[in-house]
PDB file of N, CA and C in Angstrom:
ATOM      1  N   MET A   1      40.616 -22.887  37.095  1.00  0.00           N
ATOM      2  CA  MET A   1      40.203 -21.642  36.493  1.00  0.00           C
ATOM      3  C   MET A   1      38.894 -21.187  37.125  1.00  0.00           C
ATOM      4  N   GLN A   2      38.839 -19.902  37.513  1.00  0.00           N
ATOM      5  CA  GLN A   2      37.666 -19.375  38.190  1.00  0.00           C
ATOM      6  C   GLN A   2      36.574 -19.024  37.176  1.00  0.00           C
ATOM      7  N   LYS A   3      35.348 -19.409  37.503  1.00  0.00           N
ATOM      8  CA  LYS A   3      34.218 -19.137  36.631  1.00  0.00           C
ATOM      9  C   LYS A   3      33.833 -17.658  36.736  1.00  0.00           C
ATOM     10  N   ILE A   4      33.606 -17.009  35.601  1.00  0.00           N
ATOM     11  CA  ILE A   4      33.209 -15.603  35.582  1.00  0.00           C
ATOM     12  C   ILE A   4      31.686 -15.541  35.631  1.00  0.00           C
ATOM     13  N   ARG A   5      31.163 -14.756  36.591  1.00  0.00           N
ATOM     14  CA  ARG A   5      29.716 -14.601  36.716  1.00  0.00           C
ATOM     15  C   ARG A   5      29.199 -13.711  35.598  1.00  0.00           C
ATOM     16  N   LYS A   6      27.962 -13.963  35.164  1.00  0.00           N
ATOM     17  CA  LYS A   6      27.368 -13.197  34.069  1.00  0.00           C
ATOM     18  C   LYS A   6      27.353 -11.696  34.376  1.00  0.00           C
ATOM     19  N   GLY A   7      27.003 -11.325  35.595  1.00  0.00           N
ATOM     20  CA  GLY A   7      26.932  -9.922  35.973  1.00  0.00           C
ATOM     21  C   GLY A   7      28.259  -9.206  35.855  1.00  0.00           C
ATOM     22  N   THR A   8      29.341  -9.961  35.987  1.00  0.00           N
ATOM     23  CA  THR A   8      30.677  -9.375  35.903  1.00  0.00           C
ATOM     24  C   THR A   8      30.947  -8.830  34.504  1.00  0.00           C
ATOM     25  N   ILE A   9      30.356  -9.416  33.503  1.00  0.00           N
ATOM     26  CA  ILE A   9      30.533  -8.964  32.121  1.00  0.00           C
ATOM     27  C   ILE A   9      29.374  -8.079  31.671  1.00  0.00           C
ATOM     28  N   ILE A  10      28.155  -8.452  32.005  1.00  0.00           N
ATOM     29  CA  ILE A  10      26.967  -7.741  31.528  1.00  0.00           C
ATOM     30  C   ILE A  10      26.890  -6.313  32.072  1.00  0.00           C
ATOM     31  N   ILE A  11      27.159  -6.117  33.348  1.00  0.00           N
ATOM     32  CA  ILE A  11      27.029  -4.786  33.952  1.00  0.00           C
ATOM     33  C   ILE A  11      27.957  -3.772  33.291  1.00  0.00           C
ATOM     34  N   PRO A  12      29.264  -4.053  33.145  1.00  0.00           N
ATOM     35  CA  PRO A  12      30.117  -3.068  32.466  1.00  0.00           C
ATOM     36  C   PRO A  12      29.718  -2.823  31.013  1.00  0.00           C
ATOM     37  N   LEU A  13      29.302  -3.872  30.297  1.00  0.00           N
ATOM     38  CA  LEU A  13      28.889  -3.694  28.909  1.00  0.00           C
ATOM     39  C   LEU A  13      27.621  -2.850  28.804  1.00  0.00           C
ATOM     40  N   LEU A  14      26.675  -3.076  29.710  1.00  0.00           N
ATOM     41  CA  LEU A  14      25.447  -2.275  29.738  1.00  0.00           C
ATOM     42  C   LEU A  14      25.779  -0.812  30.003  1.00  0.00           C
ATOM     43  N   TRP A  15      26.614  -0.567  31.014  1.00  0.00           N
ATOM     44  CA  TRP A  15      26.975   0.807  31.335  1.00  0.00           C
ATOM     45  C   TRP A  15      27.728   1.451  30.174  1.00  0.00           C
ATOM     46  N   LEU A  16      28.639   0.725  29.553  1.00  0.00           N
ATOM     47  CA  LEU A  16      29.407   1.271  28.438  1.00  0.00           C
ATOM     48  C   LEU A  16      28.488   1.668  27.281  1.00  0.00           C
ATOM     49  N   ALA A  17      27.537   0.801  26.946  1.00  0.00           N
ATOM     50  CA  ALA A  17      26.601   1.103  25.857  1.00  0.00           C
ATOM     51  C   ALA A  17      25.787   2.363  26.197  1.00  0.00           C
ATOM     52  N   LEU A  18      25.296   2.441  27.427  1.00  0.00           N
ATOM     53  CA  LEU A  18      24.531   3.621  27.835  1.00  0.00           C
ATOM     54  C   LEU A  18      25.401   4.872  27.860  1.00  0.00           C
ATOM     55  N   ALA A  19      26.625   4.741  28.336  1.00  0.00           N
ATOM     56  CA  ALA A  19      27.523   5.894  28.416  1.00  0.00           C
ATOM     57  C   ALA A  19      27.868   6.421  27.022  1.00  0.00           C
ATOM     58  N   VAL A  20      28.133   5.527  26.086  1.00  0.00           N
ATOM     59  CA  VAL A  20      28.441   5.950  24.712  1.00  0.00           C
ATOM     60  C   VAL A  20      27.228   6.641  24.105  1.00  0.00           C
ATOM     61  N   PHE A  21      26.051   6.062  24.292  1.00  0.00           N
ATOM     62  CA  PHE A  21      24.831   6.671  23.761  1.00  0.00           C
ATOM     63  C   PHE A  21      24.581   8.027  24.418  1.00  0.00           C
ATOM     64  N   THR A  22      24.793   8.112  25.737  1.00  0.00           N
ATOM     65  CA  THR A  22      24.601   9.375  26.453  1.00  0.00           C
ATOM     66  C   THR A  22      25.567  10.427  25.921  1.00  0.00           C
ATOM     67  N   PHE A  23      26.828  10.060  25.719  1.00  0.00           N
ATOM     68  CA  PHE A  23      27.795  10.996  25.163  1.00  0.00           C
ATOM     69  C   PHE A  23      27.345  11.473  23.790  1.00  0.00           C
ATOM     70  N   PHE A  24      26.848  10.546  22.968  1.00  0.00           N
ATOM     71  CA  PHE A  24      26.356  10.906  21.640  1.00  0.00           C
ATOM     72  C   PHE A  24      25.208  11.902  21.754  1.00  0.00           C
ATOM     73  N   VAL A  25      24.280  11.653  22.688  1.00  0.00           N
ATOM     74  CA  VAL A  25      23.147  12.558  22.901  1.00  0.00           C
ATOM     75  C   VAL A  25      23.646  13.933  23.329  1.00  0.00           C
ATOM     76  N   TYR A  26      24.565  13.973  24.288  1.00  0.00           N
ATOM     77  CA  TYR A  26      25.140  15.248  24.731  1.00  0.00           C
ATOM     78  C   TYR A  26      25.818  15.964  23.565  1.00  0.00           C
ATOM     79  N   TYR A  27      26.629  15.218  22.827  1.00  0.00           N
ATOM     80  CA  TYR A  27      27.429  15.804  21.765  1.00  0.00           C
ATOM     81  C   TYR A  27      26.542  16.382  20.661  1.00  0.00           C
ATOM     82  N   MET A  28      25.505  15.660  20.315  1.00  0.00           N
ATOM     83  CA  MET A  28      24.613  16.112  19.253  1.00  0.00           C
ATOM     84  C   MET A  28      23.605  17.152  19.735  1.00  0.00           C
ATOM     85  N   GLY A  29      23.471  17.282  21.048  1.00  0.00           N
ATOM     86  CA  GLY A  29      22.516  18.260  21.581  1.00  0.00           C
ATOM     87  C   GLY A  29      21.069  17.868  21.338  1.00  0.00           C
ATOM     88  N   ASN A  30      20.796  16.579  21.306  1.00  0.00           N
ATOM     89  CA  ASN A  30      19.457  16.085  21.022  1.00  0.00           C
ATOM     90  C   ASN A  30      18.630  16.034  22.298  1.00  0.00           C
ATOM     91  N   ASN A  31      17.545  16.791  22.356  1.00  0.00           N
ATOM     92  CA  ASN A  31      16.683  16.835  23.537  1.00  0.00           C
ATOM     93  C   ASN A  31      15.663  15.701  23.586  1.00  0.00           C
ATOM     94  N   ASN A  32      15.597  14.851  22.575  1.00  0.00           N
ATOM     95  CA  ASN A  32      14.617  13.768  22.546  1.00  0.00           C
ATOM     96  C   ASN A  32      14.973  12.607  23.462  1.00  0.00           C
ATOM     97  N   PHE A  33      16.192  12.567  23.969  1.00  0.00           N
ATOM     98  CA  PHE A  33      16.645  11.421  24.756  1.00  0.00           C
ATOM     99  C   PHE A  33      17.045  11.810  26.172  1.00  0.00           C
ATOM    100  N   LYS A  34      16.357  12.776  26.777  1.00  0.00           N
ATOM    101  CA  LYS A  34      16.685  13.191  28.143  1.00  0.00           C
ATOM    102  C   LYS A  34      16.558  12.031  29.129  1.00  0.00           C
ATOM    103  N   TRP A  35      15.690  11.077  28.838  1.00  0.00           N
ATOM    104  CA  TRP A  35      15.456   9.934  29.714  1.00  0.00           C
ATOM    105  C   TRP A  35      16.686   9.053  29.877  1.00  0.00           C
ATOM    106  N   ILE A  36      17.654   9.154  28.966  1.00  0.00           N
ATOM    107  CA  ILE A  36      18.828   8.275  29.009  1.00  0.00           C
ATOM    108  C   ILE A  36      19.651   8.502  30.274  1.00  0.00           C
ATOM    109  N   ASP A  37      19.511   9.674  30.880  1.00  0.00           N
ATOM    110  CA  ASP A  37      20.228   9.994  32.114  1.00  0.00           C
ATOM    111  C   ASP A  37      19.868   9.013  33.234  1.00  0.00           C
ATOM    112  N   ILE A  38      18.622   8.588  33.281  1.00  0.00           N
ATOM    113  CA  ILE A  38      18.149   7.717  34.366  1.00  0.00           C
ATOM    114  C   ILE A  38      18.772   6.317  34.287  1.00  0.00           C
ATOM    115  N   PRO A  39      18.647   5.589  33.164  1.00  0.00           N
ATOM    116  CA  PRO A  39      19.269   4.251  33.133  1.00  0.00           C
ATOM    117  C   PRO A  39      20.798   4.292  33.205  1.00  0.00           C
ATOM    118  N   THR A  40      21.394   5.407  32.755  1.00  0.00           N
ATOM    119  CA  THR A  40      22.847   5.509  32.845  1.00  0.00           C
ATOM    120  C   THR A  40      23.283   5.575  34.298  1.00  0.00           C
ATOM    121  N   HIS A  41      22.573   6.341  35.117  1.00  0.00           N
ATOM    122  CA  HIS A  41      22.908   6.407  36.541  1.00  0.00           C
ATOM    123  C   HIS A  41      22.587   5.089  37.245  1.00  0.00           C
ATOM    124  N   LEU A  42      21.521   4.418  36.831  1.00  0.00           N
ATOM    125  CA  LEU A  42      21.181   3.111  37.394  1.00  0.00           C
ATOM    126  C   LEU A  42      22.299   2.099  37.110  1.00  0.00           C
ATOM    127  N   ALA A  43      22.705   2.011  35.845  1.00  0.00           N
ATOM    128  CA  ALA A  43      23.786   1.087  35.480  1.00  0.00           C
ATOM    129  C   ALA A  43      25.103   1.520  36.107  1.00  0.00           C
ATOM    130  N   GLY A  44      25.301   2.827  36.251  1.00  0.00           N
ATOM    131  CA  GLY A  44      26.509   3.328  36.902  1.00  0.00           C
ATOM    132  C   GLY A  44      26.586   2.892  38.349  1.00  0.00           C
ATOM    133  N   GLY A  45      25.454   2.919  39.052  1.00  0.00           N
ATOM    134  CA  GLY A  45      25.414   2.441  40.438  1.00  0.00           C
ATOM    135  C   GLY A  45      25.757   0.963  40.527  1.00  0.00           C
ATOM    136  N   MET A  46      25.272   0.181  39.557  1.00  0.00           N
ATOM    137  CA  MET A  46      25.596  -1.247  39.527  1.00  0.00           C
ATOM    138  C   MET A  46      27.082  -1.457  39.251  1.00  0.00           C
ATOM    139  N   LEU A  47      27.620  -0.681  38.316  1.00  0.00           N
ATOM    140  CA  LEU A  47      29.026  -0.821  37.956  1.00  0.00           C
ATOM    141  C   LEU A  47      29.937  -0.440  39.116  1.00  0.00           C
ATOM    142  N   VAL A  48      29.615   0.651  39.781  1.00  0.00           N
ATOM    143  CA  VAL A  48      30.422   1.079  40.929  1.00  0.00           C
ATOM    144  C   VAL A  48      30.393   0.001  42.013  1.00  0.00           C
ATOM    145  N   ALA A  49      29.221  -0.550  42.298  1.00  0.00           N
ATOM    146  CA  ALA A  49      29.117  -1.609  43.307  1.00  0.00           C
ATOM    147  C   ALA A  49      29.927  -2.835  42.899  1.00  0.00           C
ATOM    148  N   LEU A  50      29.898  -3.181  41.613  1.00  0.00           N
ATOM    149  CA  LEU A  50      30.676  -4.316  41.112  1.00  0.00           C
ATOM    150  C   LEU A  50      32.173  -4.067  41.312  1.00  0.00           C
ATOM    151  N   ILE A  51      32.626  -2.878  40.971  1.00  0.00           N
ATOM    152  CA  ILE A  51      34.046  -2.556  41.114  1.00  0.00           C
ATOM    153  C   ILE A  51      34.459  -2.523  42.576  1.00  0.00           C
ATOM    154  N   VAL A  52      33.638  -1.892  43.410  1.00  0.00           N
ATOM    155  CA  VAL A  52      33.959  -1.783  44.841  1.00  0.00           C
ATOM    156  C   VAL A  52      33.963  -3.157  45.493  1.00  0.00           C
ATOM    157  N   ASN A  53      33.009  -3.995  45.130  1.00  0.00           N
ATOM    158  CA  ASN A  53      32.908  -5.321  45.731  1.00  0.00           C
ATOM    159  C   ASN A  53      34.039  -6.234  45.275  1.00  0.00           C
ATOM    160  N   GLY A  54      34.526  -6.028  44.079  1.00  0.00           N
ATOM    161  CA  GLY A  54      35.623  -6.849  43.572  1.00  0.00           C
ATOM    162  C   GLY A  54      35.152  -8.218  43.125  1.00  0.00           C
ATOM    163  N   LYS A  55      36.065  -9.160  43.119  1.00  0.00           N
ATOM    164  CA  LYS A  55      35.777 -10.502  42.618  1.00  0.00           C
ATOM    165  C   LYS A  55      35.021 -11.371  43.607  1.00  0.00           C
ATOM    166  N   GLY A  56      34.965 -10.943  44.852  1.00  0.00           N
ATOM    167  CA  GLY A  56      34.316 -11.761  45.870  1.00  0.00           C
ATOM    168  C   GLY A  56      32.866 -12.051  45.554  1.00  0.00           C
ATOM    169  N   SER A  57      32.428 -13.232  45.871  1.00  0.00           N
ATOM    170  CA  SER A  57      31.038 -13.576  45.607  1.00  0.00           C
ATOM    171  C   SER A  57      30.120 -13.049  46.697  1.00  0.00           C
ATOM    172  N   ALA A  58      30.638 -12.955  47.917  1.00  0.00           N
ATOM    173  CA  ALA A  58      29.837 -12.412  49.015  1.00  0.00           C
ATOM    174  C   ALA A  58      29.948 -10.888  49.003  1.00  0.00           C
ATOM    175  N   VAL A  59      28.824 -10.232  49.177  1.00  0.00           N
ATOM    176  CA  VAL A  59      28.791  -8.781  49.152  1.00  0.00           C
ATOM    177  C   VAL A  59      28.892  -8.259  50.580  1.00  0.00           C
ATOM    178  N   ASP A  60      29.922  -7.471  50.861  1.00  0.00           N
ATOM    179  CA  ASP A  60      30.041  -6.782  52.141  1.00  0.00           C
ATOM    180  C   ASP A  60      29.189  -5.525  52.028  1.00  0.00           C
ATOM    181  N   LEU A  61      27.933  -5.619  52.498  1.00  0.00           N
ATOM    182  CA  LEU A  61      26.952  -4.556  52.273  1.00  0.00           C
ATOM    183  C   LEU A  61      27.402  -3.193  52.779  1.00  0.00           C
ATOM    184  N   LYS A  62      27.877  -3.134  53.996  1.00  0.00           N
ATOM    185  CA  LYS A  62      28.230  -1.847  54.583  1.00  0.00           C
ATOM    186  C   LYS A  62      29.369  -1.180  53.808  1.00  0.00           C
ATOM    187  N   LYS A  63      30.439  -1.916  53.582  1.00  0.00           N
ATOM    188  CA  LYS A  63      31.606  -1.378  52.871  1.00  0.00           C
ATOM    189  C   LYS A  63      31.236  -0.988  51.437  1.00  0.00           C
ATOM    190  N   THR A  64      30.555  -1.875  50.745  1.00  0.00           N
ATOM    191  CA  THR A  64      30.199  -1.614  49.352  1.00  0.00           C
ATOM    192  C   THR A  64      29.247  -0.427  49.248  1.00  0.00           C
ATOM    193  N   PHE A  65      28.278  -0.323  50.151  1.00  0.00           N
ATOM    194  CA  PHE A  65      27.330   0.787  50.102  1.00  0.00           C
ATOM    195  C   PHE A  65      28.021   2.118  50.367  1.00  0.00           C
ATOM    196  N   VAL A  66      28.846   2.180  51.400  1.00  0.00           N
ATOM    197  CA  VAL A  66      29.525   3.438  51.750  1.00  0.00           C
ATOM    198  C   VAL A  66      30.442   3.885  50.613  1.00  0.00           C
ATOM    199  N   LEU A  67      31.241   2.983  50.081  1.00  0.00           N
ATOM    200  CA  LEU A  67      32.158   3.347  48.997  1.00  0.00           C
ATOM    201  C   LEU A  67      31.398   3.700  47.713  1.00  0.00           C
ATOM    202  N   SER A  68      30.332   2.973  47.427  1.00  0.00           N
ATOM    203  CA  SER A  68      29.526   3.278  46.244  1.00  0.00           C
ATOM    204  C   SER A  68      28.874   4.647  46.375  1.00  0.00           C
ATOM    205  N   LEU A  69      28.338   4.937  47.544  1.00  0.00           N
ATOM    206  CA  LEU A  69      27.714   6.241  47.772  1.00  0.00           C
ATOM    207  C   LEU A  69      28.747   7.359  47.655  1.00  0.00           C
ATOM    208  N   LEU A  70      29.937   7.116  48.143  1.00  0.00           N
ATOM    209  CA  LEU A  70      31.011   8.104  48.035  1.00  0.00           C
ATOM    210  C   LEU A  70      31.336   8.393  46.568  1.00  0.00           C
ATOM    211  N   VAL A  71      31.408   7.356  45.744  1.00  0.00           N
ATOM    212  CA  VAL A  71      31.685   7.538  44.317  1.00  0.00           C
ATOM    213  C   VAL A  71      30.524   8.274  43.642  1.00  0.00           C
ATOM    214  N   LEU A  72      29.286   7.888  43.956  1.00  0.00           N
ATOM    215  CA  LEU A  72      28.120   8.533  43.348  1.00  0.00           C
ATOM    216  C   LEU A  72      28.064  10.018  43.696  1.00  0.00           C
ATOM    217  N   LEU A  73      28.289  10.339  44.955  1.00  0.00           N
ATOM    218  CA  LEU A  73      28.278  11.742  45.380  1.00  0.00           C
ATOM    219  C   LEU A  73      29.453  12.514  44.782  1.00  0.00           C
ATOM    220  N   SER A  74      30.593  11.860  44.654  1.00  0.00           N
ATOM    221  CA  SER A  74      31.749  12.508  44.024  1.00  0.00           C
ATOM    222  C   SER A  74      31.459  12.837  42.564  1.00  0.00           C
ATOM    223  N   TRP A  75      30.773  11.928  41.882  1.00  0.00           N
ATOM    224  CA  TRP A  75      30.423  12.189  40.479  1.00  0.00           C
ATOM    225  C   TRP A  75      29.497  13.402  40.380  1.00  0.00           C
ATOM    226  N   GLU A  76      28.511  13.479  41.245  1.00  0.00           N
ATOM    227  CA  GLU A  76      27.594  14.621  41.219  1.00  0.00           C
ATOM    228  C   GLU A  76      28.345  15.913  41.539  1.00  0.00           C
ATOM    229  N   LEU A  77      29.278  15.859  42.463  1.00  0.00           N
ATOM    230  CA  LEU A  77      30.104  17.027  42.777  1.00  0.00           C
ATOM    231  C   LEU A  77      30.947  17.414  41.561  1.00  0.00           C
ATOM    232  N   PHE A  78      31.493  16.428  40.869  1.00  0.00           N
ATOM    233  CA  PHE A  78      32.243  16.682  39.642  1.00  0.00           C
ATOM    234  C   PHE A  78      31.370  17.405  38.611  1.00  0.00           C
ATOM    235  N   GLU A  79      30.120  16.960  38.447  1.00  0.00           N
ATOM    236  CA  GLU A  79      29.215  17.626  37.510  1.00  0.00           C
ATOM    237  C   GLU A  79      28.971  19.077  37.915  1.00  0.00           C
ATOM    238  N   ILE A  80      28.780  19.316  39.205  1.00  0.00           N
ATOM    239  CA  ILE A  80      28.548  20.687  39.688  1.00  0.00           C
ATOM    240  C   ILE A  80      29.772  21.555  39.431  1.00  0.00           C
ATOM    241  N   ILE A  81      30.951  21.052  39.764  1.00  0.00           N
ATOM    242  CA  ILE A  81      32.188  21.820  39.567  1.00  0.00           C
ATOM    243  C   ILE A  81      32.408  22.092  38.079  1.00  0.00           C
ATOM    244  N   THR A  82      32.202  21.073  37.252  1.00  0.00           N
ATOM    245  CA  THR A  82      32.399  21.235  35.820  1.00  0.00           C
ATOM    246  C   THR A  82      31.450  22.278  35.248  1.00  0.00           C
ATOM    247  N   SER A  83      30.186  22.232  35.657  1.00  0.00           N
ATOM    248  CA  SER A  83      29.221  23.195  35.128  1.00  0.00           C
ATOM    249  C   SER A  83      29.472  24.595  35.684  1.00  0.00           C
ATOM    250  N   THR A  84      30.081  24.698  36.866  1.00  0.00           N
ATOM    251  CA  THR A  84      30.396  25.996  37.454  1.00  0.00           C
ATOM    252  C   THR A  84      31.634  26.602  36.804  1.00  0.00           C
ATOM    253  N   VAL A  85      32.651  25.775  36.579  1.00  0.00           N
ATOM    254  CA  VAL A  85      33.912  26.255  36.020  1.00  0.00           C
ATOM    255  C   VAL A  85      33.764  26.583  34.539  1.00  0.00           C
ATOM    256  N   SER A  86      33.077  25.709  33.801  1.00  0.00           N
ATOM    257  CA  SER A  86      32.895  25.966  32.376  1.00  0.00           C
ATOM    258  C   SER A  86      31.764  26.983  32.195  1.00  0.00           C
ATOM    259  N   ARG A  87      31.704  27.558  31.023  1.00  0.00           N
ATOM    260  CA  ARG A  87      30.672  28.558  30.759  1.00  0.00           C
ATOM    261  C   ARG A  87      29.323  27.910  30.499  1.00  0.00           C
ATOM    262  N   ARG A  88      29.342  26.647  30.181  1.00  0.00           N
ATOM    263  CA  ARG A  88      28.102  25.942  29.878  1.00  0.00           C
ATOM    264  C   ARG A  88      27.882  24.838  30.899  1.00  0.00           C
ATOM    265  N   GLU A  89      26.706  24.270  30.827  1.00  0.00           N
ATOM    266  CA  GLU A  89      26.368  23.117  31.656  1.00  0.00           C
ATOM    267  C   GLU A  89      27.300  21.971  31.264  1.00  0.00           C
ATOM    268  N   PHE A  90      27.324  20.899  32.040  1.00  0.00           N
ATOM    269  CA  PHE A  90      28.202  19.749  31.786  1.00  0.00           C
ATOM    270  C   PHE A  90      28.045  19.275  30.342  1.00  0.00           C
ATOM    271  N   ILE A  91      29.072  19.423  29.564  1.00  0.00           N
ATOM    272  CA  ILE A  91      29.198  19.112  28.148  1.00  0.00           C
ATOM    273  C   ILE A  91      28.228  19.952  27.289  1.00  0.00           C
ATOM    274  N   VAL A  92      26.940  19.704  27.362  1.00  0.00           N
ATOM    275  CA  VAL A  92      25.954  20.481  26.616  1.00  0.00           C
ATOM    276  C   VAL A  92      24.771  20.708  27.546  1.00  0.00           C
ATOM    277  N   ASP A  93      24.129  21.836  27.409  1.00  0.00           N
ATOM    278  CA  ASP A  93      23.036  22.184  28.311  1.00  0.00           C
ATOM    279  C   ASP A  93      21.755  21.440  27.934  1.00  0.00           C
ATOM    280  N   ILE A  94      21.733  20.123  28.148  1.00  0.00           N
ATOM    281  CA  ILE A  94      20.537  19.324  27.892  1.00  0.00           C
ATOM    282  C   ILE A  94      19.781  19.105  29.192  1.00  0.00           C
ATOM    283  N   PHE A  95      20.492  18.659  30.195  1.00  0.00           N
ATOM    284  CA  PHE A  95      19.872  18.346  31.470  1.00  0.00           C
ATOM    285  C   PHE A  95      20.111  19.509  32.421  1.00  0.00           C
ATOM    286  N   GLN A  96      19.062  20.054  32.952  1.00  0.00           N
ATOM    287  CA  GLN A  96      19.240  21.132  33.919  1.00  0.00           C
ATOM    288  C   GLN A  96      19.684  20.516  35.230  1.00  0.00           C
ATOM    289  N   GLU A  97      20.771  21.025  35.746  1.00  0.00           N
ATOM    290  CA  GLU A  97      21.339  20.484  36.976  1.00  0.00           C
ATOM    291  C   GLU A  97      20.652  21.109  38.189  1.00  0.00           C
ATOM    292  N   THR A  98      19.451  20.648  38.443  1.00  0.00           N
ATOM    293  CA  THR A  98      18.677  21.133  39.573  1.00  0.00           C
ATOM    294  C   THR A  98      18.866  20.185  40.754  1.00  0.00           C
ATOM    295  N   ALA A  99      18.423  20.626  41.924  1.00  0.00           N
ATOM    296  CA  ALA A  99      18.493  19.756  43.104  1.00  0.00           C
ATOM    297  C   ALA A  99      17.666  18.497  42.881  1.00  0.00           C
ATOM    298  N   LYS A 100      16.535  18.633  42.210  1.00  0.00           N
ATOM    299  CA  LYS A 100      15.692  17.474  41.909  1.00  0.00           C
ATOM    300  C   LYS A 100      16.437  16.482  41.016  1.00  0.00           C
ATOM    301  N   ASN A 101      17.138  16.975  39.999  1.00  0.00           N
ATOM    302  CA  ASN A 101      17.901  16.108  39.110  1.00  0.00           C
ATOM    303  C   ASN A 101      19.030  15.421  39.867  1.00  0.00           C
ATOM    304  N   LYS A 102      19.743  16.159  40.706  1.00  0.00           N
ATOM    305  CA  LYS A 102      20.847  15.583  41.486  1.00  0.00           C
ATOM    306  C   LYS A 102      20.324  14.485  42.411  1.00  0.00           C
ATOM    307  N   THR A 103      19.195  14.768  43.074  1.00  0.00           N
ATOM    308  CA  THR A 103      18.597  13.791  43.989  1.00  0.00           C
ATOM    309  C   THR A 103      18.197  12.529  43.225  1.00  0.00           C
ATOM    310  N   ARG A 104      17.587  12.712  42.055  1.00  0.00           N
ATOM    311  CA  ARG A 104      17.186  11.561  41.243  1.00  0.00           C
ATOM    312  C   ARG A 104      18.404  10.771  40.782  1.00  0.00           C
ATOM    313  N   ASP A 105      19.471  11.469  40.375  1.00  0.00           N
ATOM    314  CA  ASP A 105      20.681  10.781  39.925  1.00  0.00           C
ATOM    315  C   ASP A 105      21.270   9.909  41.031  1.00  0.00           C
ATOM    316  N   VAL A 106      21.369  10.458  42.233  1.00  0.00           N
ATOM    317  CA  VAL A 106      21.917   9.687  43.366  1.00  0.00           C
ATOM    318  C   VAL A 106      20.975   8.539  43.714  1.00  0.00           C
ATOM    319  N   ALA A 107      19.655   8.803  43.705  1.00  0.00           N
ATOM    320  CA  ALA A 107      18.678   7.741  44.000  1.00  0.00           C
ATOM    321  C   ALA A 107      18.795   6.602  42.988  1.00  0.00           C
ATOM    322  N   MET A 108      18.979   6.937  41.712  1.00  0.00           N
ATOM    323  CA  MET A 108      19.123   5.893  40.691  1.00  0.00           C
ATOM    324  C   MET A 108      20.419   5.109  40.895  1.00  0.00           C
ATOM    325  N   GLY A 109      21.472   5.788  41.325  1.00  0.00           N
ATOM    326  CA  GLY A 109      22.718   5.090  41.639  1.00  0.00           C
ATOM    327  C   GLY A 109      22.536   4.121  42.791  1.00  0.00           C
ATOM    328  N   ILE A 110      21.782   4.552  43.816  1.00  0.00           N
ATOM    329  CA  ILE A 110      21.519   3.675  44.966  1.00  0.00           C
ATOM    330  C   ILE A 110      20.657   2.496  44.540  1.00  0.00           C
ATOM    331  N   ILE A 111      19.664   2.741  43.697  1.00  0.00           N
ATOM    332  CA  ILE A 111      18.830   1.638  43.195  1.00  0.00           C
ATOM    333  C   ILE A 111      19.692   0.674  42.370  1.00  0.00           C
ATOM    334  N   GLY A 112      20.648   1.216  41.615  1.00  0.00           N
ATOM    335  CA  GLY A 112      21.593   0.369  40.881  1.00  0.00           C
ATOM    336  C   GLY A 112      22.416  -0.489  41.824  1.00  0.00           C
ATOM    337  N   PHE A 113      22.873   0.125  42.929  1.00  0.00           N
ATOM    338  CA  PHE A 113      23.613  -0.618  43.958  1.00  0.00           C
ATOM    339  C   PHE A 113      22.754  -1.749  44.500  1.00  0.00           C
ATOM    340  N   LEU A 114      21.499  -1.439  44.849  1.00  0.00           N
ATOM    341  CA  LEU A 114      20.595  -2.461  45.405  1.00  0.00           C
ATOM    342  C   LEU A 114      20.321  -3.559  44.389  1.00  0.00           C
ATOM    343  N   SER A 115      20.230  -3.188  43.111  1.00  0.00           N
ATOM    344  CA  SER A 115      20.040  -4.194  42.048  1.00  0.00           C
ATOM    345  C   SER A 115      21.248  -5.119  41.978  1.00  0.00           C
ATOM    346  N   PHE A 116      22.434  -4.537  42.090  1.00  0.00           N
ATOM    347  CA  PHE A 116      23.656  -5.348  42.094  1.00  0.00           C
ATOM    348  C   PHE A 116      23.633  -6.349  43.249  1.00  0.00           C
ATOM    349  N   VAL A 117      23.265  -5.865  44.441  1.00  0.00           N
ATOM    350  CA  VAL A 117      23.205  -6.739  45.606  1.00  0.00           C
ATOM    351  C   VAL A 117      22.202  -7.863  45.379  1.00  0.00           C
ATOM    352  N   ALA A 118      21.042  -7.532  44.810  1.00  0.00           N
ATOM    353  CA  ALA A 118      20.012  -8.547  44.546  1.00  0.00           C
ATOM    354  C   ALA A 118      20.505  -9.574  43.528  1.00  0.00           C
ATOM    355  N   ILE A 119      21.224  -9.126  42.519  1.00  0.00           N
ATOM    356  CA  ILE A 119      21.741 -10.041  41.492  1.00  0.00           C
ATOM    357  C   ILE A 119      22.826 -10.936  42.064  1.00  0.00           C
ATOM    358  N   ARG A 120      23.695 -10.378  42.917  1.00  0.00           N
ATOM    359  CA  ARG A 120      24.834 -11.125  43.462  1.00  0.00           C
ATOM    360  C   ARG A 120      24.442 -12.133  44.525  1.00  0.00           C
ATOM    361  N   ARG A 121      23.308 -11.968  45.144  1.00  0.00           N
ATOM    362  CA  ARG A 121      22.915 -12.885  46.227  1.00  0.00           C
ATOM    363  C   ARG A 121      22.310 -14.137  45.728  1.00  0.00           C
TER     364      ARG A 121
END
């Protein structure tokens, strides 16, 4: 039986908790928790790297980074399309979708990826 690494369970649970809380913040329209966007993207970057890397213990840096970046950029594109197609910003107009916000979101995803690599090594 293969041993499950702690990060394999902790990362998805962390992201899920943040995602549920973020959805609650969006749904309620509460402006007091704008900061939640940052750790959610950080944990999202870790989760994407975990999924892309798979069960392997060795991290293929180039492959994992390129695929993770592709997913992160696709998510940001999804947010732009959703906010353009719908009459309102993504779900609720809490976070202004500025270039600065997009850049920070992708940067946090990359930092999440790097955190995953540091944890896995």
